[in-house]
Amino acid sequence: MNILRSIVYGLWRGLDVLRRFLHLVVLLVVFGFVVGALRGSVPTVPLKAALLVAPEGDIVEQSSGDALERAVRKPAGRATRKRCCGI
């Protein structure tokens, strides 16, 4: 009985080592794909480059109304659009 137990224990340990090795291989492959994807997609920016921003929609300088009311209305989907300065 002791011999059978040692054989099963050795087989179990071997499978556990194989499982850990395969997990390490999968982790390294995924890490390699991530590094490879990030490496090729980083754009180079010229030294004297300028950022061009093209905003769309209404420009509001300051929100009007009660802040608590706005905080409650927004998550409920009842947010109102108020225009600033009568535009």
N, C-alpha and C. Protein backbone atom coordinates (compact mmCIF):
# COMPACT_ATOMS: atom_id res chain seq x y z
N MET A 1 0.82 -1.20 0.00
CA MET A 1 0.00 0.00 0.00
C MET A 1 0.86 1.26 0.00
N ASN A 2 1.95 1.21 0.69
CA ASN A 2 2.86 2.34 0.77
C ASN A 2 3.49 2.65 -0.59
N ILE A 3 3.76 1.62 -1.38
CA ILE A 3 4.34 1.80 -2.70
C ILE A 3 3.33 2.47 -3.63
N LEU A 4 2.08 2.03 -3.57
CA LEU A 4 1.03 2.63 -4.39
C LEU A 4 0.85 4.10 -4.04
N ARG A 5 0.89 4.40 -2.75
CA ARG A 5 0.76 5.79 -2.31
C ARG A 5 1.91 6.65 -2.84
N SER A 6 3.13 6.15 -2.82
CA SER A 6 4.28 6.92 -3.31
C SER A 6 4.21 7.11 -4.83
N ILE A 7 3.68 6.11 -5.55
CA ILE A 7 3.54 6.25 -7.01
C ILE A 7 2.50 7.33 -7.34
N VAL A 8 1.35 7.27 -6.66
CA VAL A 8 0.30 8.27 -6.89
C VAL A 8 0.79 9.66 -6.50
N TYR A 9 1.52 9.75 -5.38
CA TYR A 9 2.05 11.04 -4.94
C TYR A 9 3.06 11.59 -5.96
N GLY A 10 3.94 10.75 -6.47
CA GLY A 10 4.91 11.18 -7.48
C GLY A 10 4.23 11.62 -8.75
N LEU A 11 3.19 10.87 -9.17
CA LEU A 11 2.44 11.26 -10.36
C LEU A 11 1.74 12.60 -10.16
N TRP A 12 1.17 12.78 -8.97
CA TRP A 12 0.50 14.04 -8.65
C TRP A 12 1.48 15.21 -8.66
N ARG A 13 2.64 15.03 -8.08
CA ARG A 13 3.66 16.09 -8.07
C ARG A 13 4.13 16.41 -9.48
N GLY A 14 4.28 15.39 -10.32
CA GLY A 14 4.68 15.62 -11.71
C GLY A 14 3.64 16.42 -12.48
N LEU A 15 2.38 16.10 -12.27
CA LEU A 15 1.32 16.86 -12.93
C LEU A 15 1.26 18.29 -12.42
N ASP A 16 1.53 18.47 -11.13
CA ASP A 16 1.52 19.82 -10.58
C ASP A 16 2.66 20.66 -11.16
N VAL A 17 3.83 20.07 -11.31
CA VAL A 17 4.96 20.78 -11.91
C VAL A 17 4.66 21.12 -13.36
N LEU A 18 4.04 20.17 -14.09
CA LEU A 18 3.67 20.43 -15.48
C LEU A 18 2.65 21.57 -15.57
N ARG A 19 1.68 21.60 -14.65
CA ARG A 19 0.68 22.66 -14.63
C ARG A 19 1.33 24.02 -14.40
N ARG A 20 2.23 24.08 -13.44
CA ARG A 20 2.92 25.36 -13.17
C ARG A 20 3.76 25.81 -14.36
N PHE A 21 4.43 24.88 -15.01
CA PHE A 21 5.25 25.21 -16.17
C PHE A 21 4.39 25.75 -17.31
N LEU A 22 3.25 25.10 -17.58
CA LEU A 22 2.37 25.56 -18.66
C LEU A 22 1.76 26.92 -18.34
N HIS A 23 1.44 27.17 -17.08
CA HIS A 23 0.95 28.50 -16.71
C HIS A 23 2.01 29.56 -16.96
N LEU A 24 3.25 29.26 -16.65
CA LEU A 24 4.34 30.20 -16.89
C LEU A 24 4.52 30.47 -18.38
N VAL A 25 4.43 29.43 -19.18
CA VAL A 25 4.58 29.60 -20.63
C VAL A 25 3.45 30.47 -21.18
N VAL A 26 2.21 30.20 -20.76
CA VAL A 26 1.07 31.00 -21.23
C VAL A 26 1.24 32.45 -20.79
N LEU A 27 1.66 32.68 -19.55
CA LEU A 27 1.87 34.04 -19.06
C LEU A 27 2.94 34.76 -19.87
N LEU A 28 4.02 34.09 -20.19
CA LEU A 28 5.08 34.72 -20.97
C LEU A 28 4.63 35.02 -22.40
N VAL A 29 3.82 34.15 -22.98
CA VAL A 29 3.31 34.40 -24.34
C VAL A 29 2.38 35.61 -24.34
N VAL A 30 1.48 35.69 -23.37
CA VAL A 30 0.57 36.84 -23.29
C VAL A 30 1.36 38.12 -23.06
N PHE A 31 2.33 38.08 -22.17
CA PHE A 31 3.17 39.24 -21.91
C PHE A 31 3.92 39.66 -23.17
N GLY A 32 4.39 38.70 -23.94
CA GLY A 32 5.09 39.00 -25.19
C GLY A 32 4.17 39.67 -26.20
N PHE A 33 2.92 39.21 -26.29
CA PHE A 33 1.97 39.85 -27.20
C PHE A 33 1.68 41.28 -26.77
N VAL A 34 1.52 41.51 -25.49
CA VAL A 34 1.23 42.85 -24.99
C VAL A 34 2.41 43.79 -25.27
N VAL A 35 3.61 43.34 -24.99
CA VAL A 35 4.80 44.17 -25.23
C VAL A 35 4.96 44.42 -26.73
N GLY A 36 4.72 43.41 -27.54
CA GLY A 36 4.83 43.59 -28.99
C GLY A 36 3.79 44.55 -29.54
N ALA A 37 2.58 44.49 -28.99
CA ALA A 37 1.52 45.40 -29.46
C ALA A 37 1.81 46.83 -29.04
N LEU A 38 2.32 47.03 -27.85
CA LEU A 38 2.62 48.38 -27.39
C LEU A 38 3.85 48.96 -28.06
N ARG A 39 4.76 48.13 -28.41
CA ARG A 39 6.03 48.59 -28.97
C ARG A 39 5.83 49.22 -30.35
N GLY A 40 4.95 48.68 -31.16
CA GLY A 40 4.77 49.18 -32.51
C GLY A 40 3.78 50.32 -32.62
N SER A 41 2.98 50.59 -31.60
CA SER A 41 1.92 51.57 -31.73
C SER A 41 2.22 52.91 -31.08
N VAL A 42 3.43 53.14 -30.64
CA VAL A 42 3.76 54.41 -30.00
C VAL A 42 4.19 55.40 -31.07
N PRO A 43 3.41 56.46 -31.28
CA PRO A 43 3.78 57.43 -32.32
C PRO A 43 4.92 58.33 -31.84
N THR A 44 5.66 58.83 -32.79
CA THR A 44 6.71 59.79 -32.47
C THR A 44 6.17 61.19 -32.72
N VAL A 45 6.46 62.09 -31.81
CA VAL A 45 5.97 63.47 -31.91
C VAL A 45 7.18 64.36 -32.19
N PRO A 46 7.08 65.20 -33.22
CA PRO A 46 8.18 66.12 -33.50
C PRO A 46 8.44 67.06 -32.32
N LEU A 47 9.64 67.58 -32.25
CA LEU A 47 10.05 68.40 -31.12
C LEU A 47 9.23 69.68 -31.01
N LYS A 48 8.93 70.33 -32.13
CA LYS A 48 8.17 71.58 -32.10
C LYS A 48 6.74 71.37 -32.60
N ALA A 49 6.08 70.35 -32.09
CA ALA A 49 4.71 70.05 -32.49
C ALA A 49 3.73 70.84 -31.64
N ALA A 50 2.54 71.09 -32.20
CA ALA A 50 1.48 71.80 -31.47
C ALA A 50 0.24 70.90 -31.46
N LEU A 51 -0.51 70.99 -30.37
CA LEU A 51 -1.74 70.23 -30.24
C LEU A 51 -2.90 71.09 -30.73
N LEU A 52 -3.68 70.56 -31.67
CA LEU A 52 -4.83 71.27 -32.22
C LEU A 52 -6.08 70.64 -31.62
N VAL A 53 -6.89 71.45 -30.95
CA VAL A 53 -8.13 70.99 -30.34
C VAL A 53 -9.28 71.66 -31.07
N ALA A 54 -10.25 70.85 -31.52
CA ALA A 54 -11.42 71.37 -32.22
C ALA A 54 -12.66 71.02 -31.42
N PRO A 55 -13.03 71.86 -30.43
CA PRO A 55 -14.21 71.54 -29.62
C PRO A 55 -15.49 71.67 -30.42
N GLU A 56 -16.50 70.88 -30.04
CA GLU A 56 -17.81 70.93 -30.68
C GLU A 56 -18.87 71.13 -29.62
N GLY A 57 -19.96 71.73 -29.98
CA GLY A 57 -21.07 71.91 -29.06
C GLY A 57 -20.99 73.23 -28.33
N ASP A 58 -21.86 73.36 -27.33
CA ASP A 58 -21.94 74.59 -26.54
C ASP A 58 -20.80 74.66 -25.55
N ILE A 59 -20.24 75.84 -25.39
CA ILE A 59 -19.19 76.06 -24.40
C ILE A 59 -19.83 76.75 -23.20
N VAL A 60 -19.80 76.08 -22.06
CA VAL A 60 -20.42 76.60 -20.85
C VAL A 60 -19.30 77.01 -19.90
N GLU A 61 -19.33 78.27 -19.49
CA GLU A 61 -18.29 78.76 -18.60
C GLU A 61 -18.51 78.32 -17.16
N GLN A 62 -19.77 78.26 -16.75
CA GLN A 62 -20.07 77.89 -15.38
C GLN A 62 -21.43 77.22 -15.35
N SER A 63 -21.51 76.12 -14.62
CA SER A 63 -22.79 75.43 -14.49
C SER A 63 -23.71 76.23 -13.60
N SER A 64 -24.99 76.20 -13.94
CA SER A 64 -25.95 76.96 -13.14
C SER A 64 -26.84 75.98 -12.39
N GLY A 65 -27.47 76.44 -11.34
CA GLY A 65 -28.37 75.61 -10.56
C GLY A 65 -27.68 75.00 -9.36
N ASP A 66 -28.44 74.21 -8.64
CA ASP A 66 -27.96 73.56 -7.42
C ASP A 66 -27.09 72.36 -7.78
N ALA A 67 -25.93 72.28 -7.16
CA ALA A 67 -25.00 71.18 -7.46
C ALA A 67 -25.58 69.83 -7.05
N LEU A 68 -26.28 69.77 -5.94
CA LEU A 68 -26.88 68.51 -5.48
C LEU A 68 -27.96 68.05 -6.44
N GLU A 69 -28.75 68.97 -6.94
CA GLU A 69 -29.80 68.62 -7.89
C GLU A 69 -29.20 68.08 -9.18
N ARG A 70 -28.13 68.72 -9.68
CA ARG A 70 -27.46 68.23 -10.88
C ARG A 70 -26.88 66.85 -10.65
N ALA A 71 -26.32 66.61 -9.47
CA ALA A 71 -25.72 65.31 -9.16
C ALA A 71 -26.77 64.21 -9.11
N VAL A 72 -27.97 64.54 -8.69
CA VAL A 72 -29.04 63.54 -8.61
C VAL A 72 -29.66 63.31 -9.98
N ARG A 73 -29.82 64.36 -10.76
CA ARG A 73 -30.46 64.23 -12.07
C ARG A 73 -29.58 63.49 -13.08
N LYS A 74 -28.29 63.70 -13.06
CA LYS A 74 -27.41 63.12 -14.06
C LYS A 74 -27.43 61.60 -14.06
N PRO A 75 -27.24 60.90 -12.93
CA PRO A 75 -27.29 59.43 -12.97
C PRO A 75 -28.68 58.90 -13.29
N ALA A 76 -29.72 59.67 -12.98
CA ALA A 76 -31.08 59.22 -13.24
C ALA A 76 -31.46 59.40 -14.72
N GLY A 77 -30.59 60.03 -15.50
CA GLY A 77 -30.86 60.21 -16.92
C GLY A 77 -31.76 61.40 -17.21
N ARG A 78 -31.93 62.29 -16.25
CA ARG A 78 -32.79 63.45 -16.44
C ARG A 78 -31.99 64.74 -16.45
N ALA A 79 -30.76 64.66 -16.89
CA ALA A 79 -29.92 65.86 -16.90
C ALA A 79 -30.47 66.86 -17.91
N THR A 80 -30.46 68.10 -17.53
CA THR A 80 -30.96 69.15 -18.42
C THR A 80 -29.78 69.92 -18.96
N ARG A 81 -29.92 70.33 -20.20
CA ARG A 81 -28.87 71.14 -20.82
C ARG A 81 -29.27 72.60 -20.68
N LYS A 82 -28.48 73.34 -19.98
CA LYS A 82 -28.75 74.77 -19.82
C LYS A 82 -27.66 75.54 -20.55
N ARG A 83 -28.08 76.56 -21.24
CA ARG A 83 -27.11 77.36 -21.97
C ARG A 83 -26.69 78.55 -21.12
N CYS A 84 -25.46 78.91 -21.29
CA CYS A 84 -24.90 80.03 -20.53
C CYS A 84 -25.12 81.34 -21.29
N CYS A 85 -25.37 82.34 -20.55
CA CYS A 85 -25.34 83.72 -21.05
C CYS A 85 -26.39 84.00 -22.13
N GLY A 86 -27.46 83.21 -22.22
CA GLY A 86 -28.54 83.48 -23.15
C GLY A 86 -28.18 83.28 -24.61
N ILE A 87 -27.23 82.43 -24.90
CA ILE A 87 -26.80 82.20 -26.30
C ILE A 87 -27.79 81.29 -26.99
